């Protein structure tokens, strides 16, 4: 990783990445709780919220929508992704080059690596090409580091998540996105293993407001620099409200209770 490489997708060293690669990764089912969010325009509008430091999308959405938002949204272009229709060993098709990401105006690239998959060697080589291509265009690099595959019995264990954080550092990511390992102590170990690379917590599946914010707060207290979140924002009836609360927790380090109270009073 390089110092300051992630500055364009962060604020005061912290990040709130609004992830919207779910259309390819999970399919339309993720939009059913809040059908309006099947329209990418709605998510690009959400990404103009002051709390959001970048929006992660695939190239098709960037081509279609980003030109209208380039002055208000920092673009994190996801270079690989595979549909939930794929039933094989974890892998992720490379759908875009860093050179084309730069042409689209991206501030950073995102890339998934499934450590432990039978395709790990190939994916690491693909990441190397993406990472070095991003460096040539002064773009930051975010790794979605999700160890999984038939050789891993528990891909959500703290040790495996820490290993994923370390892979991000070793392979040259500026920001490593990992699952929340269940406790502040375990998250602290993942942060330690990532060294100077920033660690952001994956938002994961929908949870109630306070539980979700408590996990985020614990991650920040443990040294994480933010969150990459999709469903826990856009599946809510009032996504702006949870963004208000996330801003308070991440950037102002308020407690979840204080953040929720402030968000409610703002309504």
C-alpha atoms as a PDB file:
ATOM      1  CA  UNK A   1       0.000   0.000   0.000  1.00  0.00           C
ATOM      2  CA  UNK A   2       1.007   3.623  -0.487  1.00  0.00           C
ATOM      3  CA  UNK A   3       0.530   6.486   1.984  1.00  0.00           C
ATOM      4  CA  UNK A   4      -2.368   8.786   1.066  1.00  0.00           C
ATOM      5  CA  UNK A   5      -3.467   6.574  -1.850  1.00  0.00           C
ATOM      6  CA  UNK A   6      -6.957   6.342  -0.350  1.00  0.00           C
ATOM      7  CA  UNK A   7      -7.319  10.062   0.381  1.00  0.00           C
ATOM      8  CA  UNK A   8      -9.762  10.603  -2.498  1.00  0.00           C
ATOM      9  CA  UNK A   9     -12.208   8.087  -1.013  1.00  0.00           C
ATOM     10  CA  UNK A  10     -11.887   9.113   2.613  1.00  0.00           C
ATOM     11  CA  UNK A  11     -12.426  12.070   4.904  1.00  0.00           C
ATOM     12  CA  UNK A  12     -10.032  12.770   7.763  1.00  0.00           C
ATOM     13  CA  UNK A  13      -8.643   9.265   7.307  1.00  0.00           C
ATOM     14  CA  UNK A  14     -12.023   7.558   7.613  1.00  0.00           C
ATOM     15  CA  UNK A  15     -14.320   6.053   5.010  1.00  0.00           C
ATOM     16  CA  UNK A  16     -17.960   5.302   4.435  1.00  0.00           C
ATOM     17  CA  UNK A  17     -18.121   3.380   1.187  1.00  0.00           C
ATOM     18  CA  UNK A  18     -21.653   2.983  -0.135  1.00  0.00           C
ATOM     19  CA  UNK A  19     -21.502  -0.382  -1.901  1.00  0.00           C
ATOM     20  CA  UNK A  20     -23.931  -1.085  -4.731  1.00  0.00           C
ATOM     21  CA  UNK A  21     -22.444  -4.095  -6.497  1.00  0.00           C
ATOM     22  CA  UNK A  22     -25.334  -6.227  -5.249  1.00  0.00           C
ATOM     23  CA  UNK A  23     -27.176  -6.323  -8.561  1.00  0.00           C
ATOM     24  CA  UNK A  24     -24.490  -8.579  -9.998  1.00  0.00           C
ATOM     25  CA  UNK A  25     -23.411 -10.355  -6.806  1.00  0.00           C
ATOM     26  CA  UNK A  26     -26.828 -11.159  -5.313  1.00  0.00           C
ATOM     27  CA  UNK A  27     -29.404 -10.260  -7.954  1.00  0.00           C
ATOM     28  CA  UNK A  28     -32.772  -8.475  -7.716  1.00  0.00           C
ATOM     29  CA  UNK A  29     -33.653 -10.157  -4.402  1.00  0.00           C
ATOM     30  CA  UNK A  30     -31.573  -7.544  -2.560  1.00  0.00           C
ATOM     31  CA  UNK A  31     -33.829  -4.757  -3.805  1.00  0.00           C
ATOM     32  CA  UNK A  32     -37.096  -6.351  -2.689  1.00  0.00           C
ATOM     33  CA  UNK A  33     -37.118  -4.831   0.854  1.00  0.00           C
ATOM     34  CA  UNK A  34     -37.003  -1.339  -0.693  1.00  0.00           C
ATOM     35  CA  UNK A  35     -37.997  -1.634  -4.372  1.00  0.00           C
ATOM     36  CA  UNK A  36     -37.116   1.980  -5.178  1.00  0.00           C
ATOM     37  CA  UNK A  37     -33.454   1.082  -4.768  1.00  0.00           C
ATOM     38  CA  UNK A  38     -33.523  -1.187  -7.810  1.00  0.00           C
ATOM     39  CA  UNK A  39     -33.219   2.133  -9.657  1.00  0.00           C
ATOM     40  CA  UNK A  40     -29.508   3.055  -9.576  1.00  0.00           C
ATOM     41  CA  UNK A  41     -30.456   6.727  -9.729  1.00  0.00           C
ATOM     42  CA  UNK A  42     -31.762   6.429  -6.168  1.00  0.00           C
ATOM     43  CA  UNK A  43     -28.402   5.093  -4.956  1.00  0.00           C
ATOM     44  CA  UNK A  44     -26.402   7.745  -6.781  1.00  0.00           C
ATOM     45  CA  UNK A  45     -28.605  10.321  -5.063  1.00  0.00           C
ATOM     46  CA  UNK A  46     -27.892   8.654  -1.685  1.00  0.00           C
ATOM     47  CA  UNK A  47     -24.183   8.794  -2.471  1.00  0.00           C
ATOM     48  CA  UNK A  48     -24.346  12.588  -2.437  1.00  0.00           C
ATOM     49  CA  UNK A  49     -25.030  12.397   1.313  1.00  0.00           C
ATOM     50  CA  UNK A  50     -22.258  14.127   3.252  1.00  0.00           C
ATOM     51  CA  UNK A  51     -21.392  10.921   5.110  1.00  0.00           C
ATOM     52  CA  UNK A  52     -20.571   8.946   1.960  1.00  0.00           C
ATOM     53  CA  UNK A  53     -16.923   9.125   0.934  1.00  0.00           C
ATOM     54  CA  UNK A  54     -17.270   6.959  -2.188  1.00  0.00           C
ATOM     55  CA  UNK A  55     -19.742   4.849  -4.155  1.00  0.00           C
ATOM     56  CA  UNK A  56     -18.728   1.346  -5.266  1.00  0.00           C
ATOM     57  CA  UNK A  57     -20.389   0.170  -8.489  1.00  0.00           C
ATOM     58  CA  UNK A  58     -19.666  -1.945 -11.543  1.00  0.00           C
ATOM     59  CA  UNK A  59     -18.715  -0.302 -14.838  1.00  0.00           C
ATOM     60  CA  UNK A  60     -22.175  -0.474 -16.442  1.00  0.00           C
ATOM     61  CA  UNK A  61     -23.680   1.700 -13.727  1.00  0.00           C
ATOM     62  CA  UNK A  62     -20.689   4.029 -13.828  1.00  0.00           C
ATOM     63  CA  UNK A  63     -21.076   4.474 -17.571  1.00  0.00           C
ATOM     64  CA  UNK A  64     -24.797   5.152 -17.330  1.00  0.00           C
ATOM     65  CA  UNK A  65     -25.019   7.345 -14.215  1.00  0.00           C
ATOM     66  CA  UNK A  66     -21.685   8.683 -13.032  1.00  0.00           C
ATOM     67  CA  UNK A  67     -21.364  11.486 -15.626  1.00  0.00           C
ATOM     68  CA  UNK A  68     -24.310  13.234 -13.946  1.00  0.00           C
ATOM     69  CA  UNK A  69     -22.782  12.888 -10.472  1.00  0.00           C
ATOM     70  CA  UNK A  70     -19.035  13.272 -11.011  1.00  0.00           C
ATOM     71  CA  UNK A  71     -18.975  16.606  -9.159  1.00  0.00           C
ATOM     72  CA  UNK A  72     -20.769  15.188  -6.106  1.00  0.00           C
ATOM     73  CA  UNK A  73     -19.708  11.541  -5.834  1.00  0.00           C
ATOM     74  CA  UNK A  74     -16.304   9.858  -5.528  1.00  0.00           C
ATOM     75  CA  UNK A  75     -16.287   6.780  -7.749  1.00  0.00           C
ATOM     76  CA  UNK A  76     -14.910   3.449  -6.532  1.00  0.00           C
ATOM     77  CA  UNK A  77     -15.116   1.214  -9.576  1.00  0.00           C
ATOM     78  CA  UNK A  78     -15.408  -2.493  -8.875  1.00  0.00           C
ATOM     79  CA  UNK A  79     -13.348  -4.399 -11.439  1.00  0.00           C
ATOM     80  CA  UNK A  80     -14.611  -7.919 -10.805  1.00  0.00           C
ATOM     81  CA  UNK A  81     -17.817  -9.613  -9.798  1.00  0.00           C
ATOM     82  CA  UNK A  82     -19.767 -12.823 -10.342  1.00  0.00           C
ATOM     83  CA  UNK A  83     -23.485 -13.499 -10.164  1.00  0.00           C
ATOM     84  CA  UNK A  84     -25.157 -15.588  -7.506  1.00  0.00           C
ATOM     85  CA  UNK A  85     -26.192 -17.903 -10.342  1.00  0.00           C
ATOM     86  CA  UNK A  86     -22.628 -19.223 -10.377  1.00  0.00           C
ATOM     87  CA  UNK A  87     -22.486 -22.384  -8.275  1.00  0.00           C
ATOM     88  CA  UNK A  88     -18.823 -23.316  -8.520  1.00  0.00           C
ATOM     89  CA  UNK A  89     -15.840 -22.770  -6.245  1.00  0.00           C
ATOM     90  CA  UNK A  90     -15.597 -19.066  -5.239  1.00  0.00           C
ATOM     91  CA  UNK A  91     -14.226 -17.000  -8.112  1.00  0.00           C
ATOM     92  CA  UNK A  92     -14.892 -13.554  -9.529  1.00  0.00           C
ATOM     93  CA  UNK A  93     -14.841 -12.611 -13.195  1.00  0.00           C
ATOM     94  CA  UNK A  94     -12.715  -9.599 -14.149  1.00  0.00           C
ATOM     95  CA  UNK A  95     -15.177  -7.282 -15.893  1.00  0.00           C
ATOM     96  CA  UNK A  96     -13.143  -4.089 -16.224  1.00  0.00           C
ATOM     97  CA  UNK A  97      -9.541  -2.902 -16.468  1.00  0.00           C
ATOM     98  CA  UNK A  98      -7.973  -0.205 -14.302  1.00  0.00           C
ATOM     99  CA  UNK A  99      -7.234   1.724 -17.489  1.00  0.00           C
ATOM    100  CA  UNK A 100     -10.932   1.862 -18.353  1.00  0.00           C
ATOM    101  CA  UNK A 101     -11.759   2.751 -14.742  1.00  0.00           C
ATOM    102  CA  UNK A 102      -9.440   5.742 -15.076  1.00  0.00           C
ATOM    103  CA  UNK A 103     -11.174   6.748 -18.314  1.00  0.00           C
ATOM    104  CA  UNK A 104     -14.506   6.704 -16.497  1.00  0.00           C
ATOM    105  CA  UNK A 105     -13.090   9.061 -13.865  1.00  0.00           C
ATOM    106  CA  UNK A 106     -12.722   6.606 -10.983  1.00  0.00           C
ATOM    107  CA  UNK A 107     -10.937   7.757  -7.838  1.00  0.00           C
ATOM    108  CA  UNK A 108     -10.157   4.181  -6.810  1.00  0.00           C
ATOM    109  CA  UNK A 109     -10.706   0.600  -7.866  1.00  0.00           C
ATOM    110  CA  UNK A 110     -12.222  -2.294  -5.945  1.00  0.00           C
ATOM    111  CA  UNK A 111     -11.334  -5.955  -6.375  1.00  0.00           C
ATOM    112  CA  UNK A 112     -12.546  -9.129  -4.662  1.00  0.00           C
ATOM    113  CA  UNK A 113     -10.045 -11.839  -3.698  1.00  0.00           C
ATOM    114  CA  UNK A 114     -11.274 -15.145  -2.260  1.00  0.00           C
ATOM    115  CA  UNK A 115      -8.266 -16.395  -0.317  1.00  0.00           C
ATOM    116  CA  UNK A 116      -8.489 -20.151   0.186  1.00  0.00           C
ATOM    117  CA  UNK A 117     -10.497 -20.759  -2.956  1.00  0.00           C
ATOM    118  CA  UNK A 118      -9.190 -23.217  -5.505  1.00  0.00           C
ATOM    119  CA  UNK A 119      -8.938 -20.117  -7.727  1.00  0.00           C
ATOM    120  CA  UNK A 120      -6.841 -18.100  -5.260  1.00  0.00           C
ATOM    121  CA  UNK A 121      -3.638 -18.186  -7.312  1.00  0.00           C
ATOM    122  CA  UNK A 122      -5.402 -16.929 -10.433  1.00  0.00           C
ATOM    123  CA  UNK A 123      -7.255 -14.240  -8.470  1.00  0.00           C
ATOM    124  CA  UNK A 124      -4.054 -13.018  -6.811  1.00  0.00           C
ATOM    125  CA  UNK A 125      -2.436 -12.676 -10.226  1.00  0.00           C
ATOM    126  CA  UNK A 126      -5.467 -10.767 -11.517  1.00  0.00           C
ATOM    127  CA  UNK A 127      -5.308  -8.510  -8.471  1.00  0.00           C
ATOM    128  CA  UNK A 128      -1.636  -7.829  -9.170  1.00  0.00           C
ATOM    129  CA  UNK A 129      -2.466  -6.582 -12.661  1.00  0.00           C
ATOM    130  CA  UNK A 130      -5.336  -4.459 -11.330  1.00  0.00           C
ATOM    131  CA  UNK A 131      -3.262  -3.019  -8.473  1.00  0.00           C
ATOM    132  CA  UNK A 132      -0.311  -2.087 -10.655  1.00  0.00           C
ATOM    133  CA  UNK A 133      -2.629  -0.648 -13.301  1.00  0.00           C
ATOM    134  CA  UNK A 134      -4.296   1.493 -10.658  1.00  0.00           C
ATOM    135  CA  UNK A 135      -0.918   2.802  -9.497  1.00  0.00           C
ATOM    136  CA  UNK A 136      -0.159   3.939 -13.047  1.00  0.00           C
ATOM    137  CA  UNK A 137      -3.267   6.144 -12.894  1.00  0.00           C
ATOM    138  CA  UNK A 138      -2.898   7.375  -9.295  1.00  0.00           C
ATOM    139  CA  UNK A 139      -5.968   5.488  -8.103  1.00  0.00           C
ATOM    140  CA  UNK A 140      -6.392   3.943  -4.686  1.00  0.00           C
ATOM    141  CA  UNK A 141      -6.969   0.194  -4.328  1.00  0.00           C
ATOM    142  CA  UNK A 142      -9.637  -1.448  -2.171  1.00  0.00           C
ATOM    143  CA  UNK A 143      -9.611  -5.212  -1.697  1.00  0.00           C
ATOM    144  CA  UNK A 144     -12.783  -7.087  -0.809  1.00  0.00           C
ATOM    145  CA  UNK A 145     -10.866  -9.768   1.118  1.00  0.00           C
ATOM    146  CA  UNK A 146     -13.249 -12.664   1.683  1.00  0.00           C
ATOM    147  CA  UNK A 147     -11.476 -15.957   2.387  1.00  0.00           C
ATOM    148  CA  UNK A 148     -13.790 -18.793   1.423  1.00  0.00           C
ATOM    149  CA  UNK A 149     -13.790 -22.058  -0.460  1.00  0.00           C
ATOM    150  CA  UNK A 150     -14.089 -25.793   0.033  1.00  0.00           C
ATOM    151  CA  UNK A 151     -10.829 -25.887   1.993  1.00  0.00           C
ATOM    152  CA  UNK A 152     -12.122 -23.523   4.693  1.00  0.00           C
ATOM    153  CA  UNK A 153     -14.377 -24.979   7.352  1.00  0.00           C
ATOM    154  CA  UNK A 154     -15.244 -21.639   8.978  1.00  0.00           C
ATOM    155  CA  UNK A 155     -14.674 -18.636   6.753  1.00  0.00           C
ATOM    156  CA  UNK A 156     -16.165 -16.328   9.400  1.00  0.00           C
ATOM    157  CA  UNK A 157     -13.746 -17.197  12.182  1.00  0.00           C
ATOM    158  CA  UNK A 158     -11.627 -14.359  13.626  1.00  0.00           C
ATOM    159  CA  UNK A 159      -8.383 -16.052  12.573  1.00  0.00           C
ATOM    160  CA  UNK A 160      -9.539 -16.396   8.977  1.00  0.00           C
ATOM    161  CA  UNK A 161     -10.765 -12.793   8.869  1.00  0.00           C
ATOM    162  CA  UNK A 162      -7.403 -11.604  10.231  1.00  0.00           C
ATOM    163  CA  UNK A 163      -5.677 -13.676   7.549  1.00  0.00           C
ATOM    164  CA  UNK A 164      -7.835 -11.919   4.959  1.00  0.00           C
ATOM    165  CA  UNK A 165      -6.768  -8.531   6.334  1.00  0.00           C
ATOM    166  CA  UNK A 166      -3.133  -9.587   6.091  1.00  0.00           C
ATOM    167  CA  UNK A 167      -3.581 -10.716   2.487  1.00  0.00           C
ATOM    168  CA  UNK A 168      -4.732  -7.203   1.643  1.00  0.00           C
ATOM    169  CA  UNK A 169      -1.566  -5.676   3.069  1.00  0.00           C
ATOM    170  CA  UNK A 170       0.759  -8.250   1.525  1.00  0.00           C
ATOM    171  CA  UNK A 171      -0.764  -7.872  -1.958  1.00  0.00           C
ATOM    172  CA  UNK A 172      -0.755  -4.065  -1.914  1.00  0.00           C
ATOM    173  CA  UNK A 173      -4.269  -2.887  -1.058  1.00  0.00           C
ATOM    174  CA  UNK A 174      -4.676   0.565   0.466  1.00  0.00           C
ATOM    175  CA  UNK A 175      -8.002  -0.394   2.033  1.00  0.00           C
ATOM    176  CA  UNK A 176      -9.070  -3.919   3.013  1.00  0.00           C
ATOM    177  CA  UNK A 177     -12.741  -4.753   3.417  1.00  0.00           C
ATOM    178  CA  UNK A 178     -13.358  -7.654   5.805  1.00  0.00           C
ATOM    179  CA  UNK A 179     -16.315  -9.158   7.606  1.00  0.00           C
ATOM    180  CA  UNK A 180     -16.947  -8.100  11.181  1.00  0.00           C
ATOM    181  CA  UNK A 181     -15.417 -10.967  13.226  1.00  0.00           C
ATOM    182  CA  UNK A 182     -17.884 -10.708  16.101  1.00  0.00           C
ATOM    183  CA  UNK A 183     -16.088  -8.590  18.678  1.00  0.00           C
ATOM    184  CA  UNK A 184     -13.972  -5.472  19.047  1.00  0.00           C
ATOM    185  CA  UNK A 185     -11.046  -7.607  20.229  1.00  0.00           C
ATOM    186  CA  UNK A 186     -11.152  -9.792  17.119  1.00  0.00           C
ATOM    187  CA  UNK A 187     -11.519  -6.743  14.875  1.00  0.00           C
ATOM    188  CA  UNK A 188      -8.502  -5.209  16.603  1.00  0.00           C
ATOM    189  CA  UNK A 189      -6.453  -8.259  15.690  1.00  0.00           C
ATOM    190  CA  UNK A 190      -7.510  -7.951  12.045  1.00  0.00           C
ATOM    191  CA  UNK A 191      -6.531  -4.272  12.080  1.00  0.00           C
ATOM    192  CA  UNK A 192      -3.155  -5.171  13.578  1.00  0.00           C
ATOM    193  CA  UNK A 193      -2.550  -7.770  10.867  1.00  0.00           C
ATOM    194  CA  UNK A 194      -3.335  -5.201   8.144  1.00  0.00           C
ATOM    195  CA  UNK A 195      -0.502  -2.954   9.331  1.00  0.00           C
ATOM    196  CA  UNK A 196      -0.646   0.457   7.623  1.00  0.00           C
ATOM    197  CA  UNK A 197      -3.448  -0.585   5.276  1.00  0.00           C
ATOM    198  CA  UNK A 198      -6.846   0.782   6.282  1.00  0.00           C
ATOM    199  CA  UNK A 199      -9.448  -1.767   7.360  1.00  0.00           C
ATOM    200  CA  UNK A 200     -13.152  -1.227   6.732  1.00  0.00           C
ATOM    201  CA  UNK A 201     -15.906  -3.443   8.020  1.00  0.00           C
ATOM    202  CA  UNK A 202     -18.360  -5.103   5.671  1.00  0.00           C
ATOM    203  CA  UNK A 203     -21.937  -4.012   6.347  1.00  0.00           C
ATOM    204  CA  UNK A 204     -23.352  -7.494   5.827  1.00  0.00           C
ATOM    205  CA  UNK A 205     -26.986  -8.494   6.009  1.00  0.00           C
ATOM    206  CA  UNK A 206     -29.709  -6.283   7.479  1.00  0.00           C
ATOM    207  CA  UNK A 207     -29.789  -5.901  11.263  1.00  0.00           C
ATOM    208  CA  UNK A 208     -31.732  -3.584  13.536  1.00  0.00           C
ATOM    209  CA  UNK A 209     -30.392  -0.050  13.854  1.00  0.00           C
ATOM    210  CA  UNK A 210     -28.791  -0.278  17.272  1.00  0.00           C
ATOM    211  CA  UNK A 211     -27.142  -3.672  16.765  1.00  0.00           C
ATOM    212  CA  UNK A 212     -25.742  -2.579  13.426  1.00  0.00           C
ATOM    213  CA  UNK A 213     -24.398   0.719  14.773  1.00  0.00           C
ATOM    214  CA  UNK A 214     -22.966  -1.030  17.830  1.00  0.00           C
ATOM    215  CA  UNK A 215     -20.901  -3.295  15.576  1.00  0.00           C
ATOM    216  CA  UNK A 216     -19.701  -0.293  13.583  1.00  0.00           C
ATOM    217  CA  UNK A 217     -18.796   1.571  16.765  1.00  0.00           C
ATOM    218  CA  UNK A 218     -16.889  -1.455  18.095  1.00  0.00           C
ATOM    219  CA  UNK A 219     -14.986  -1.713  14.817  1.00  0.00           C
ATOM    220  CA  UNK A 220     -14.013   1.971  14.925  1.00  0.00           C
ATOM    221  CA  UNK A 221     -12.921   1.641  18.561  1.00  0.00           C
ATOM    222  CA  UNK A 222     -10.757  -1.312  17.504  1.00  0.00           C
ATOM    223  CA  UNK A 223      -8.945   0.752  14.880  1.00  0.00           C
ATOM    224  CA  UNK A 224     -11.012   0.198  11.736  1.00  0.00           C
ATOM    225  CA  UNK A 225     -11.270   3.312   9.602  1.00  0.00           C
ATOM    226  CA  UNK A 226     -14.858   2.883   8.503  1.00  0.00           C
ATOM    227  CA  UNK A 227     -17.340   0.688   6.717  1.00  0.00           C
ATOM    228  CA  UNK A 228     -18.293  -0.497   3.249  1.00  0.00           C
ATOM    229  CA  UNK A 229     -22.060  -0.882   3.459  1.00  0.00           C
ATOM    230  CA  UNK A 230     -24.915  -1.573   1.080  1.00  0.00           C
ATOM    231  CA  UNK A 231     -27.900  -3.530   2.330  1.00  0.00           C
ATOM    232  CA  UNK A 232     -27.837  -2.006   5.809  1.00  0.00           C
ATOM    233  CA  UNK A 233     -28.449   1.335   4.106  1.00  0.00           C
ATOM    234  CA  UNK A 234     -30.508   0.843   0.985  1.00  0.00           C
ATOM    235  CA  UNK A 235     -32.795  -1.897   2.316  1.00  0.00           C
ATOM    236  CA  UNK A 236     -34.112   0.487   4.985  1.00  0.00           C
ATOM    237  CA  UNK A 237     -37.228   2.565   4.475  1.00  0.00           C
ATOM    238  CA  UNK A 238     -35.280   5.690   5.475  1.00  0.00           C
ATOM    239  CA  UNK A 239     -31.712   5.187   4.254  1.00  0.00           C
ATOM    240  CA  UNK A 240     -30.790   8.836   4.830  1.00  0.00           C
ATOM    241  CA  UNK A 241     -31.545   8.418   8.521  1.00  0.00           C
ATOM    242  CA  UNK A 242     -29.070   5.549   8.955  1.00  0.00           C
ATOM    243  CA  UNK A 243     -26.475   7.504   6.955  1.00  0.00           C
ATOM    244  CA  UNK A 244     -26.916  10.383   9.401  1.00  0.00           C
ATOM    245  CA  UNK A 245     -26.317   7.968  12.281  1.00  0.00           C
ATOM    246  CA  UNK A 246     -23.329   6.338  10.585  1.00  0.00           C
ATOM    247  CA  UNK A 247     -21.760   9.741  10.042  1.00  0.00           C
ATOM    248  CA  UNK A 248     -22.040  10.451  13.770  1.00  0.00           C
ATOM    249  CA  UNK A 249     -20.560   7.075  14.748  1.00  0.00           C
ATOM    250  CA  UNK A 250     -17.713   6.976  12.226  1.00  0.00           C
ATOM    251  CA  UNK A 251     -16.598  10.585  11.938  1.00  0.00           C
ATOM    252  CA  UNK A 252     -17.698  12.049  15.273  1.00  0.00           C
ATOM    253  CA  UNK A 253     -17.231   8.813  17.275  1.00  0.00           C
ATOM    254  CA  UNK A 254     -20.574   9.217  18.983  1.00  0.00           C
ATOM    255  CA  UNK A 255     -22.221   6.244  20.673  1.00  0.00           C
ATOM    256  CA  UNK A 256     -24.924   4.364  18.751  1.00  0.00           C
ATOM    257  CA  UNK A 257     -27.583   5.670  21.133  1.00  0.00           C
ATOM    258  CA  UNK A 258     -26.421   9.269  20.691  1.00  0.00           C
ATOM    259  CA  UNK A 259     -26.165   8.847  16.923  1.00  0.00           C
ATOM    260  CA  UNK A 260     -29.688   7.447  16.630  1.00  0.00           C
ATOM    261  CA  UNK A 261     -31.104  10.166  18.844  1.00  0.00           C
ATOM    262  CA  UNK A 262     -29.444  12.839  16.725  1.00  0.00           C
ATOM    263  CA  UNK A 263     -30.700  11.231  13.504  1.00  0.00           C
ATOM    264  CA  UNK A 264     -34.237  11.096  14.864  1.00  0.00           C
ATOM    265  CA  UNK A 265     -34.170  14.714  15.993  1.00  0.00           C
ATOM    266  CA  UNK A 266     -32.939  15.707  12.533  1.00  0.00           C
ATOM    267  CA  UNK A 267     -36.084  14.139  11.080  1.00  0.00           C
END
